[in-house]
């Protein structure tokens, strides 16, 4: 696939976790890149986005705790999650929109990474 996530796991409340998403194509061709999450019984939530121009946005629920960062040299987009709460428990998905001529506008998704916050 185009996107592969890594870094999920089980942590206690207040701890940190870093998710990484590696693209099989140059991330210069992906804009924006984003992290979503989906928990049982809840709607999919857009957690954070990052554009090639360096602009970032965050859901209100994670502002001040999560940081999205792109590294176009490594073709990655990471999500640093600090001060984790039980309500952050979810499957986290990396997503991107292609701006490449051949598949312009195509949407790509990773396979998902489980994050569980529990004491």
N, C-alpha and C. Protein backbone atom coordinates (compact mmCIF):
# COMPACT_ATOMS: atom_id res chain seq x y z
N UNK A 1 0.81 -1.20 0.00
CA UNK A 1 0.00 0.00 0.00
C UNK A 1 0.84 1.25 0.00
N UNK A 2 0.17 2.37 -0.17
CA UNK A 2 0.87 3.64 -0.23
C UNK A 2 1.33 4.11 1.14
N UNK A 3 0.52 3.81 2.17
CA UNK A 3 0.81 4.31 3.50
C UNK A 3 0.84 3.17 4.51
N UNK A 4 1.83 3.19 5.38
CA UNK A 4 1.97 2.16 6.41
C UNK A 4 2.23 2.84 7.74
N UNK A 5 1.36 2.55 8.73
CA UNK A 5 1.53 3.14 10.06
C UNK A 5 2.34 2.21 10.95
N UNK A 6 2.95 2.82 11.96
CA UNK A 6 3.64 2.05 13.00
C UNK A 6 3.66 2.87 14.28
N UNK A 7 3.87 2.18 15.40
CA UNK A 7 4.06 2.87 16.65
C UNK A 7 2.90 2.81 17.63
N UNK A 8 1.83 2.12 17.31
CA UNK A 8 0.72 2.02 18.24
C UNK A 8 1.08 1.15 19.43
N UNK A 9 0.19 1.13 20.43
CA UNK A 9 0.44 0.29 21.58
C UNK A 9 -0.45 0.64 22.75
N UNK A 10 -0.09 0.10 23.91
CA UNK A 10 -0.83 0.31 25.15
C UNK A 10 0.00 1.18 26.08
N UNK A 11 -0.59 2.28 26.54
CA UNK A 11 0.08 3.17 27.48
C UNK A 11 -0.88 3.55 28.60
N UNK A 12 -0.32 4.10 29.67
CA UNK A 12 -1.14 4.56 30.78
C UNK A 12 -1.52 6.02 30.58
N UNK A 13 -2.60 6.45 31.21
CA UNK A 13 -2.98 7.87 31.10
C UNK A 13 -1.82 8.78 31.51
N UNK A 14 -1.65 9.85 30.72
CA UNK A 14 -0.59 10.80 30.99
C UNK A 14 0.70 10.51 30.25
N UNK A 15 0.81 9.32 29.72
CA UNK A 15 2.02 8.95 28.99
C UNK A 15 1.96 9.43 27.53
N UNK A 16 3.08 9.18 26.82
CA UNK A 16 3.20 9.63 25.43
C UNK A 16 3.38 8.44 24.49
N UNK A 17 3.05 8.70 23.24
CA UNK A 17 3.22 7.69 22.19
C UNK A 17 3.42 8.43 20.89
N UNK A 18 4.22 7.86 20.02
CA UNK A 18 4.47 8.48 18.72
C UNK A 18 4.08 7.52 17.62
N UNK A 19 3.21 7.97 16.73
CA UNK A 19 2.83 7.19 15.56
C UNK A 19 3.61 7.71 14.36
N UNK A 20 3.97 6.78 13.48
CA UNK A 20 4.66 7.18 12.26
C UNK A 20 3.96 6.57 11.06
N UNK A 21 3.91 7.32 9.99
CA UNK A 21 3.29 6.85 8.75
C UNK A 21 4.32 7.03 7.64
N UNK A 22 4.66 5.93 6.99
CA UNK A 22 5.64 5.97 5.91
C UNK A 22 4.95 5.77 4.58
N UNK A 23 5.22 6.65 3.64
CA UNK A 23 4.61 6.58 2.32
C UNK A 23 5.55 5.88 1.34
N UNK A 24 4.96 5.16 0.40
CA UNK A 24 5.76 4.46 -0.60
C UNK A 24 6.09 5.37 -1.78
N UNK A 25 5.56 6.59 -1.76
CA UNK A 25 5.88 7.59 -2.77
C UNK A 25 6.41 8.82 -2.06
N UNK A 26 6.96 9.73 -2.82
CA UNK A 26 7.45 10.97 -2.21
C UNK A 26 6.28 11.73 -1.61
N UNK A 27 6.43 12.14 -0.37
CA UNK A 27 5.35 12.88 0.29
C UNK A 27 5.18 14.27 -0.28
N UNK A 28 6.11 14.68 -1.12
CA UNK A 28 5.92 15.95 -1.82
C UNK A 28 4.70 15.85 -2.73
N UNK A 29 4.37 14.64 -3.14
CA UNK A 29 3.22 14.40 -4.02
C UNK A 29 1.93 14.17 -3.24
N UNK A 30 1.98 14.31 -1.92
CA UNK A 30 0.80 14.08 -1.08
C UNK A 30 0.48 15.35 -0.30
N UNK A 31 -0.72 15.87 -0.54
CA UNK A 31 -1.09 17.11 0.14
C UNK A 31 -2.58 17.29 0.22
N UNK A 32 -3.17 17.35 1.42
CA UNK A 32 -2.44 17.27 2.67
C UNK A 32 -2.23 15.82 3.12
N UNK A 33 -1.52 15.66 4.20
CA UNK A 33 -1.45 14.39 4.93
C UNK A 33 -2.13 14.60 6.27
N UNK A 34 -2.74 13.53 6.74
CA UNK A 34 -3.57 13.70 7.94
C UNK A 34 -3.60 12.43 8.77
N UNK A 35 -4.02 12.60 10.01
CA UNK A 35 -4.31 11.48 10.90
C UNK A 35 -5.77 11.56 11.30
N UNK A 36 -6.45 10.43 11.17
CA UNK A 36 -7.83 10.27 11.63
C UNK A 36 -7.83 9.21 12.73
N UNK A 37 -8.95 9.15 13.47
CA UNK A 37 -9.10 8.05 14.40
C UNK A 37 -10.55 7.60 14.41
N UNK A 38 -10.71 6.33 14.73
CA UNK A 38 -12.04 5.73 14.76
C UNK A 38 -12.12 4.81 15.95
N UNK A 39 -13.06 5.11 16.83
CA UNK A 39 -13.27 4.29 18.03
C UNK A 39 -14.63 3.60 17.92
N UNK A 40 -14.79 2.44 18.55
CA UNK A 40 -16.08 1.73 18.49
C UNK A 40 -17.23 2.60 18.96
N UNK A 41 -18.29 2.66 18.17
CA UNK A 41 -19.47 3.41 18.55
C UNK A 41 -19.36 4.90 18.33
N UNK A 42 -18.25 5.34 17.77
CA UNK A 42 -18.06 6.78 17.54
C UNK A 42 -17.84 7.06 16.06
N UNK A 43 -18.03 8.31 15.68
CA UNK A 43 -17.77 8.71 14.30
C UNK A 43 -16.28 8.91 14.08
N UNK A 44 -15.86 8.74 12.84
CA UNK A 44 -14.45 9.00 12.51
C UNK A 44 -14.14 10.46 12.80
N UNK A 45 -12.99 10.69 13.39
CA UNK A 45 -12.59 12.05 13.77
C UNK A 45 -11.28 12.42 13.07
N UNK A 46 -11.27 13.60 12.50
CA UNK A 46 -10.04 14.14 11.93
C UNK A 46 -9.21 14.68 13.08
N UNK A 47 -8.05 14.11 13.30
CA UNK A 47 -7.22 14.48 14.44
C UNK A 47 -6.29 15.63 14.10
N UNK A 48 -5.60 15.54 12.97
CA UNK A 48 -4.63 16.57 12.61
C UNK A 48 -4.31 16.49 11.13
N UNK A 49 -3.96 17.64 10.55
CA UNK A 49 -3.54 17.68 9.15
C UNK A 49 -2.26 18.49 9.02
N UNK A 50 -1.52 18.21 7.96
CA UNK A 50 -0.31 18.96 7.67
C UNK A 50 -0.15 19.10 6.17
N UNK A 51 0.08 20.31 5.70
CA UNK A 51 0.25 20.55 4.28
C UNK A 51 1.73 20.60 3.92
N UNK A 52 2.00 20.55 2.63
CA UNK A 52 3.40 20.65 2.19
C UNK A 52 3.97 22.02 2.52
N UNK A 53 3.09 23.01 2.67
CA UNK A 53 3.53 24.35 3.00
C UNK A 53 3.80 24.56 4.47
N UNK A 54 3.55 23.51 5.27
CA UNK A 54 3.86 23.61 6.69
C UNK A 54 2.70 24.01 7.58
N UNK A 55 1.52 24.17 6.99
CA UNK A 55 0.37 24.52 7.81
C UNK A 55 -0.19 23.28 8.49
N UNK A 56 -0.57 23.42 9.75
CA UNK A 56 -1.14 22.31 10.50
C UNK A 56 -2.47 22.72 11.12
N UNK A 57 -3.34 21.73 11.30
CA UNK A 57 -4.60 21.95 12.00
C UNK A 57 -4.81 20.78 12.95
N UNK A 58 -5.58 21.04 14.00
CA UNK A 58 -5.83 20.02 15.02
C UNK A 58 -7.28 20.04 15.46
N UNK A 59 -7.78 18.87 15.83
CA UNK A 59 -9.08 18.80 16.47
C UNK A 59 -8.98 19.46 17.83
N UNK A 60 -10.05 20.08 18.27
CA UNK A 60 -10.04 20.74 19.58
C UNK A 60 -9.68 19.77 20.69
N UNK A 61 -10.08 18.52 20.51
CA UNK A 61 -9.87 17.52 21.56
C UNK A 61 -8.39 17.17 21.77
N UNK A 62 -7.52 17.52 20.82
CA UNK A 62 -6.11 17.15 20.95
C UNK A 62 -5.17 18.35 20.93
N UNK A 63 -5.71 19.55 20.74
CA UNK A 63 -4.86 20.75 20.70
C UNK A 63 -4.05 20.89 21.96
N UNK A 64 -2.77 21.17 21.77
CA UNK A 64 -1.89 21.34 22.91
C UNK A 64 -1.29 20.04 23.42
N UNK A 65 -1.79 18.91 22.93
CA UNK A 65 -1.28 17.61 23.36
C UNK A 65 -0.63 16.83 22.22
N UNK A 66 -1.19 16.97 21.02
CA UNK A 66 -0.70 16.22 19.87
C UNK A 66 0.04 17.17 18.92
N UNK A 67 1.04 16.64 18.22
CA UNK A 67 1.78 17.40 17.22
C UNK A 67 1.97 16.54 15.98
N UNK A 68 1.56 17.09 14.84
CA UNK A 68 1.78 16.40 13.56
C UNK A 68 3.00 17.01 12.89
N UNK A 69 3.81 16.15 12.28
CA UNK A 69 5.01 16.66 11.62
C UNK A 69 5.31 15.83 10.38
N UNK A 70 5.67 16.52 9.32
CA UNK A 70 6.04 15.86 8.07
C UNK A 70 7.53 15.91 7.88
N UNK A 71 8.08 14.87 7.28
CA UNK A 71 9.48 14.84 6.90
C UNK A 71 9.53 14.36 5.46
N UNK A 72 9.59 15.30 4.53
CA UNK A 72 9.55 14.93 3.12
C UNK A 72 10.82 14.21 2.68
N UNK A 73 11.90 14.40 3.39
CA UNK A 73 13.14 13.69 3.05
C UNK A 73 13.02 12.19 3.37
N UNK A 74 12.23 11.88 4.40
CA UNK A 74 12.05 10.49 4.81
C UNK A 74 10.70 9.93 4.34
N UNK A 75 9.89 10.78 3.72
CA UNK A 75 8.55 10.37 3.26
C UNK A 75 7.68 9.88 4.42
N UNK A 76 7.71 10.63 5.50
CA UNK A 76 6.93 10.25 6.67
C UNK A 76 6.08 11.41 7.18
N UNK A 77 5.04 11.04 7.91
CA UNK A 77 4.29 12.00 8.69
C UNK A 77 4.04 11.35 10.05
N UNK A 78 4.45 12.02 11.09
CA UNK A 78 4.36 11.48 12.44
C UNK A 78 3.29 12.20 13.25
N UNK A 79 2.81 11.52 14.28
CA UNK A 79 1.88 12.12 15.22
C UNK A 79 2.42 11.87 16.62
N UNK A 80 2.93 12.91 17.25
CA UNK A 80 3.41 12.83 18.62
C UNK A 80 2.24 13.09 19.54
N UNK A 81 1.95 12.13 20.41
CA UNK A 81 0.79 12.23 21.30
C UNK A 81 1.27 12.26 22.74
N UNK A 82 1.04 13.37 23.40
CA UNK A 82 1.44 13.54 24.80
C UNK A 82 0.20 13.64 25.69
N UNK A 83 0.41 13.45 26.96
CA UNK A 83 -0.68 13.56 27.95
C UNK A 83 -1.91 12.77 27.50
N UNK A 84 -1.67 11.53 27.13
CA UNK A 84 -2.75 10.71 26.60
C UNK A 84 -3.82 10.44 27.64
N UNK A 85 -5.05 10.36 27.15
CA UNK A 85 -6.21 10.14 28.00
C UNK A 85 -6.93 8.86 27.55
N UNK A 86 -7.71 8.26 28.41
CA UNK A 86 -8.46 7.06 28.00
C UNK A 86 -9.33 7.31 26.77
N UNK A 87 -9.86 8.52 26.66
CA UNK A 87 -10.72 8.82 25.51
C UNK A 87 -9.95 8.94 24.19
N UNK A 88 -8.63 8.90 24.26
CA UNK A 88 -7.82 8.87 23.03
C UNK A 88 -7.71 7.47 22.47
N UNK A 89 -8.18 6.49 23.22
CA UNK A 89 -8.14 5.10 22.75
C UNK A 89 -8.91 4.98 21.45
N UNK A 90 -8.23 4.46 20.42
CA UNK A 90 -8.85 4.39 19.10
C UNK A 90 -7.89 3.69 18.14
N UNK A 91 -8.40 3.43 16.95
CA UNK A 91 -7.52 3.04 15.85
C UNK A 91 -7.20 4.32 15.09
N UNK A 92 -5.92 4.56 14.89
CA UNK A 92 -5.46 5.77 14.22
C UNK A 92 -5.05 5.43 12.78
N UNK A 93 -5.55 6.23 11.86
CA UNK A 93 -5.28 6.00 10.45
C UNK A 93 -4.55 7.20 9.84
N UNK A 94 -3.57 6.89 9.04
CA UNK A 94 -2.87 7.90 8.26
C UNK A 94 -3.60 8.02 6.91
N UNK A 95 -3.72 9.25 6.43
CA UNK A 95 -4.41 9.47 5.17
C UNK A 95 -3.70 10.56 4.38
N UNK A 96 -3.84 10.50 3.06
CA UNK A 96 -3.22 11.51 2.22
C UNK A 96 -3.96 11.63 0.90
N UNK A 97 -3.88 12.82 0.33
CA UNK A 97 -4.46 13.10 -0.98
C UNK A 97 -3.32 13.29 -1.96
N UNK A 98 -3.41 12.62 -3.09
CA UNK A 98 -2.35 12.73 -4.08
C UNK A 98 -2.52 13.99 -4.92
N UNK A 99 -1.41 14.68 -5.15
CA UNK A 99 -1.41 15.81 -6.08
C UNK A 99 -0.53 15.48 -7.27
N UNK A 100 -0.25 14.20 -7.42
CA UNK A 100 0.54 13.72 -8.55
C UNK A 100 -0.33 13.69 -9.80
N UNK A 101 0.21 14.02 -10.94
CA UNK A 101 -0.57 14.11 -12.16
C UNK A 101 -1.33 12.81 -12.45
N UNK A 102 -0.71 11.68 -12.27
CA UNK A 102 -1.31 10.41 -12.65
C UNK A 102 -2.52 9.99 -11.82
N UNK A 103 -2.54 10.39 -10.57
CA UNK A 103 -3.66 9.98 -9.69
C UNK A 103 -4.13 11.16 -8.86
N UNK A 104 -4.19 12.31 -9.51
CA UNK A 104 -4.56 13.54 -8.80
C UNK A 104 -5.91 13.40 -8.12
N UNK A 105 -5.95 13.75 -6.85
CA UNK A 105 -7.18 13.70 -6.08
C UNK A 105 -7.47 12.36 -5.43
N UNK A 106 -6.68 11.34 -5.74
CA UNK A 106 -6.89 10.03 -5.12
C UNK A 106 -6.57 10.11 -3.64
N UNK A 107 -7.35 9.37 -2.87
CA UNK A 107 -7.21 9.37 -1.42
C UNK A 107 -6.60 8.03 -1.00
N UNK A 108 -5.60 8.10 -0.16
CA UNK A 108 -4.91 6.89 0.30
C UNK A 108 -5.01 6.77 1.81
N UNK A 109 -5.10 5.53 2.27
CA UNK A 109 -5.24 5.25 3.69
C UNK A 109 -4.26 4.15 4.11
N UNK A 110 -3.81 4.27 5.34
CA UNK A 110 -3.01 3.20 5.91
C UNK A 110 -3.92 2.14 6.52
N UNK A 111 -3.30 1.12 7.08
CA UNK A 111 -4.06 -0.01 7.61
C UNK A 111 -4.56 0.23 9.03
N UNK A 112 -4.06 1.25 9.68
CA UNK A 112 -4.51 1.58 11.03
C UNK A 112 -3.56 1.08 12.10
N UNK A 113 -3.48 1.84 13.17
CA UNK A 113 -2.64 1.47 14.32
C UNK A 113 -3.46 1.64 15.59
N UNK A 114 -3.52 0.59 16.40
CA UNK A 114 -4.31 0.63 17.62
C UNK A 114 -3.55 1.38 18.71
N UNK A 115 -4.23 2.33 19.32
CA UNK A 115 -3.70 3.05 20.49
C UNK A 115 -4.69 2.82 21.63
N UNK A 116 -4.19 2.29 22.72
CA UNK A 116 -5.02 2.03 23.89
C UNK A 116 -4.42 2.73 25.09
N UNK A 117 -5.23 3.57 25.74
CA UNK A 117 -4.79 4.30 26.92
C UNK A 117 -5.61 3.79 28.10
N UNK A 118 -4.93 3.11 29.00
CA UNK A 118 -5.64 2.48 30.12
C UNK A 118 -4.69 2.26 31.28
N UNK A 119 -5.24 2.40 32.48
CA UNK A 119 -4.44 2.11 33.66
C UNK A 119 -4.65 0.67 34.11
